[in-house]
């Protein structure tokens, strides 16, 4: 009887339950859409070849590289100052700055200075809100 009223939580893996559940649901929905629209997907090869030929590869692959680097660096940087959110803050500032520079068409001082101000201010504000106001732990 005691086991019905006793709950054991494994904190090392408990945070993975909902992301895993949502990922599985999204994968099943994607599979259902692919099965439903299989004829249209099979006939779309020429369209995708045209799109891939015209795409801005520098921005596409630059964004992918920045995203992978951001998520790869956040935990190791955060481990230097544990439970302070410094991994989030110190990785988010360069991410916002470099993403802005990557997508900016004109890189004059007049347009880069506001970007750099936002790159510092926005992650700092989010970091402060999460850590001091909501008491959430960031990497």
Protein backbone atom coordinates (compact mmCIF):
# COMPACT_ATOMS: atom_id res chain seq x y z
CA UNK A 1 0.00 0.00 0.00
CA UNK A 2 2.86 2.40 0.69
CA UNK A 3 3.96 2.27 -2.96
CA UNK A 4 0.70 3.88 -4.13
CA UNK A 5 1.35 6.99 -2.08
CA UNK A 6 5.11 7.17 -2.65
CA UNK A 7 6.52 8.92 -5.73
CA UNK A 8 10.15 8.65 -6.75
CA UNK A 9 11.53 11.18 -9.21
CA UNK A 10 14.81 10.67 -11.01
CA UNK A 11 15.91 14.30 -11.43
CA UNK A 12 18.70 13.37 -13.82
CA UNK A 13 16.21 12.24 -16.48
CA UNK A 14 12.82 13.64 -15.44
CA UNK A 15 13.25 16.78 -17.57
CA UNK A 16 13.43 14.60 -20.70
CA UNK A 17 9.90 13.16 -20.42
CA UNK A 18 7.94 15.94 -22.12
CA UNK A 19 10.46 16.79 -24.89
CA UNK A 20 10.64 13.08 -25.76
CA UNK A 21 6.85 12.77 -25.73
CA UNK A 22 6.38 15.86 -27.90
CA UNK A 23 9.13 14.73 -30.29
CA UNK A 24 7.45 11.34 -30.74
CA UNK A 25 4.06 12.95 -31.35
CA UNK A 26 5.57 15.33 -33.94
CA UNK A 27 7.37 12.44 -35.65
CA UNK A 28 4.11 10.46 -35.87
CA UNK A 29 2.25 13.47 -37.24
CA UNK A 30 5.01 14.07 -39.80
CA UNK A 31 4.87 10.43 -40.86
CA UNK A 32 1.07 10.62 -41.21
CA UNK A 33 1.38 13.75 -43.39
CA UNK A 34 4.09 12.11 -45.51
CA UNK A 35 1.91 9.03 -46.05
CA UNK A 36 -1.16 11.14 -46.84
CA UNK A 37 0.69 13.42 -49.30
CA UNK A 38 3.10 10.84 -50.73
CA UNK A 39 2.12 11.50 -54.37
CA UNK A 40 2.66 15.25 -54.10
CA UNK A 41 5.97 14.71 -52.28
CA UNK A 42 7.20 12.28 -54.94
CA UNK A 43 6.34 14.74 -57.72
CA UNK A 44 8.00 17.73 -56.06
CA UNK A 45 11.62 16.86 -56.93
CA UNK A 46 12.00 19.47 -59.70
CA UNK A 47 10.55 22.17 -57.46
CA UNK A 48 13.05 21.41 -54.66
CA UNK A 49 15.99 21.31 -57.08
CA UNK A 50 15.01 24.82 -58.23
CA UNK A 51 14.64 26.05 -54.63
CA UNK A 52 18.01 24.57 -53.59
CA UNK A 53 19.69 26.13 -56.61
CA UNK A 54 18.38 29.62 -55.74
CA UNK A 55 18.74 29.54 -51.96
CA UNK A 56 21.16 31.70 -50.00
CA UNK A 57 23.51 28.92 -48.91
CA UNK A 58 25.70 31.19 -46.78
CA UNK A 59 22.79 32.26 -44.59
CA UNK A 60 21.22 28.79 -44.47
CA UNK A 61 24.36 26.90 -43.51
CA UNK A 62 25.60 29.79 -41.34
CA UNK A 63 22.37 29.64 -39.33
CA UNK A 64 22.68 25.87 -38.95
CA UNK A 65 26.30 26.17 -37.83
CA UNK A 66 25.51 28.96 -35.34
CA UNK A 67 22.61 26.98 -33.88
CA UNK A 68 24.67 23.80 -33.44
CA UNK A 69 27.55 25.78 -31.95
CA UNK A 70 25.20 27.64 -29.60
CA UNK A 71 23.60 24.52 -28.15
CA UNK A 72 26.92 22.66 -28.04
CA UNK A 73 28.69 25.42 -26.13
CA UNK A 74 25.94 26.40 -23.68
CA UNK A 75 26.38 23.55 -21.18
CA UNK A 76 30.23 23.53 -21.12
CA UNK A 77 30.29 27.31 -20.65
CA UNK A 78 27.57 27.03 -18.01
CA UNK A 79 29.57 24.37 -16.16
CA UNK A 80 32.29 26.95 -15.50
CA UNK A 81 29.80 28.95 -13.39
CA UNK A 82 27.21 26.34 -12.29
CA UNK A 83 23.61 27.36 -11.58
CA UNK A 84 24.13 30.99 -12.59
CA UNK A 85 22.81 30.93 -16.16
CA UNK A 86 26.12 32.23 -17.49
CA UNK A 87 26.19 29.53 -20.17
CA UNK A 88 22.92 30.91 -21.56
CA UNK A 89 24.00 34.54 -21.26
CA UNK A 90 27.54 34.21 -22.61
CA UNK A 91 26.44 32.05 -25.55
CA UNK A 92 23.29 34.02 -26.40
CA UNK A 93 25.04 37.36 -26.84
CA UNK A 94 27.34 36.14 -29.65
CA UNK A 95 24.47 34.12 -31.19
CA UNK A 96 22.22 37.17 -31.47
CA UNK A 97 25.08 39.36 -32.73
CA UNK A 98 26.35 36.88 -35.32
CA UNK A 99 22.84 35.95 -36.49
CA UNK A 100 22.04 39.62 -36.96
CA UNK A 101 25.26 40.21 -38.88
CA UNK A 102 24.62 37.13 -41.00
CA UNK A 103 21.18 38.35 -42.08
CA UNK A 104 22.01 42.06 -42.29
CA UNK A 105 22.16 43.34 -45.86
CA UNK A 106 24.03 46.57 -45.07
CA UNK A 107 26.74 46.35 -42.43
CA UNK A 108 27.44 50.01 -41.78
CA UNK A 109 28.27 51.35 -38.32
CA UNK A 110 24.82 52.97 -38.25
CA UNK A 111 23.11 49.57 -38.52
CA UNK A 112 25.64 47.43 -36.61
CA UNK A 113 25.70 49.51 -33.40
CA UNK A 114 21.95 49.02 -32.67
CA UNK A 115 22.35 45.31 -33.43
CA UNK A 116 25.18 45.02 -30.90
CA UNK A 117 23.14 46.90 -28.29
CA UNK A 118 20.22 44.50 -28.82
CA UNK A 119 22.61 41.51 -28.80
CA UNK A 120 23.75 42.49 -25.30
CA UNK A 121 20.48 43.87 -23.90
CA UNK A 122 17.99 41.19 -25.00
CA UNK A 123 19.81 38.10 -23.62
CA UNK A 124 20.71 40.03 -20.46
CA UNK A 125 17.05 40.95 -19.92
CA UNK A 126 15.91 37.36 -20.52
CA UNK A 127 18.67 36.05 -18.23
CA UNK A 128 17.64 38.49 -15.47
CA UNK A 129 13.94 37.66 -15.85
CA UNK A 130 14.51 33.91 -15.70
CA UNK A 131 17.05 33.88 -12.87
CA UNK A 132 15.92 36.70 -10.56
CA UNK A 133 12.23 37.10 -11.27
CA UNK A 134 11.08 33.53 -12.07
CA UNK A 135 13.87 31.68 -10.19
CA UNK A 136 14.48 29.33 -13.13
CA UNK A 137 17.81 27.62 -13.64
CA UNK A 138 19.48 28.24 -16.98
CA UNK A 139 22.46 26.31 -18.34
